[in-house]
Amino acid sequence: MNQKQWKSDDVTIKIDYDECAGHGDCVDTCPSEVYELTDNKSVPVNIDACIQCCACVEACPEEAIAHSACE
């Protein structure tokens, strides 16, 4: 499994890059603009802005995002 992990003081986001198809639904859905696409993969470049709403997890059609607030 090619899983990447990012952490802030309050949040841990894991993205399974084997599953992430780069549709950008997390980018479009996130109200805090946490994500961007890099090389057709989701990257939480602004993780400190995360409001822990779980919209990214719900929006991902591949279920490639795991979020510590949404388990």
Protein backbone atom coordinates (compact mmCIF):
# COMPACT_ATOMS: atom_id res chain seq x y z
CA MET A 1 0.00 0.00 0.00
CA ASN A 2 1.29 3.42 -0.97
CA GLN A 3 -0.14 5.46 1.89
CA LYS A 4 1.03 9.00 2.66
CA GLN A 5 0.40 10.65 6.02
CA TRP A 6 0.28 14.29 7.13
CA LYS A 7 -0.08 15.55 10.69
CA SER A 8 -0.85 18.80 12.43
CA ASP A 9 -1.37 19.40 16.13
CA ASP A 10 -5.02 18.28 15.90
CA VAL A 11 -5.38 16.32 12.67
CA THR A 12 -3.90 13.32 10.90
CA ILE A 13 -4.79 12.77 7.25
CA LYS A 14 -3.79 9.64 5.37
CA ILE A 15 -4.21 9.23 1.63
CA ASP A 16 -3.89 5.88 -0.10
CA TYR A 17 -2.14 6.82 -3.32
CA ASP A 18 -2.91 3.40 -4.80
CA GLU A 19 -6.60 4.32 -4.58
CA CYS A 20 -6.50 8.09 -5.19
CA ALA A 21 -7.48 8.68 -8.82
CA GLY A 22 -6.98 12.44 -8.71
CA HIS A 23 -10.58 13.40 -9.45
CA GLY A 24 -10.22 16.41 -7.14
CA ASP A 25 -13.54 15.94 -5.35
CA CYS A 26 -11.77 16.59 -2.02
CA VAL A 27 -10.25 19.78 -3.45
CA ASP A 28 -13.63 21.02 -4.68
CA THR A 29 -15.53 20.02 -1.54
CA CYS A 30 -13.21 21.16 1.25
CA PRO A 31 -14.52 24.47 2.65
CA SER A 32 -11.09 25.32 4.10
CA GLU A 33 -9.06 24.74 0.91
CA VAL A 34 -6.88 22.14 2.61
CA TYR A 35 -6.23 20.06 -0.54
CA GLU A 36 -4.65 20.51 -3.92
CA LEU A 37 -3.79 18.07 -6.69
CA THR A 38 -0.12 17.39 -7.28
CA ASP A 39 0.82 14.94 -10.02
CA ASN A 40 -2.85 13.84 -10.10
CA LYS A 41 -2.86 12.95 -6.40
CA SER A 42 -4.53 14.72 -3.50
CA VAL A 43 -2.21 16.51 -1.07
CA PRO A 44 -3.39 18.29 2.10
CA VAL A 45 -1.05 21.25 1.67
CA ASN A 46 -2.95 23.45 4.12
CA ILE A 47 -3.66 20.89 6.88
CA ASP A 48 -3.53 23.54 9.61
CA ALA A 49 -6.66 25.13 8.13
CA CYS A 50 -8.68 21.90 8.49
CA ILE A 51 -11.94 22.38 10.41
CA GLN A 52 -12.48 18.60 10.77
CA CYS A 53 -15.80 18.57 8.92
CA CYS A 54 -15.10 15.26 7.12
CA ALA A 55 -16.35 16.60 3.77
CA CYS A 56 -13.18 15.31 2.07
CA VAL A 57 -13.72 11.77 3.32
CA GLU A 58 -17.36 11.79 2.23
CA ALA A 59 -16.53 13.28 -1.19
CA CYS A 60 -13.81 10.81 -2.19
CA PRO A 61 -15.35 8.22 -4.55
CA GLU A 62 -12.40 5.85 -4.03
CA GLU A 63 -12.48 6.14 -0.20
CA ALA A 64 -8.77 6.96 -0.39
CA ILE A 65 -8.80 9.50 2.47
CA ALA A 66 -8.62 8.56 6.15
CA HIS A 67 -9.03 11.45 8.58
CA SER A 68 -8.50 11.25 12.33
CA ALA A 69 -11.68 13.22 13.07
CA CYS A 70 -13.82 11.01 10.85
CA GLU A 71 -13.12 7.52 12.14
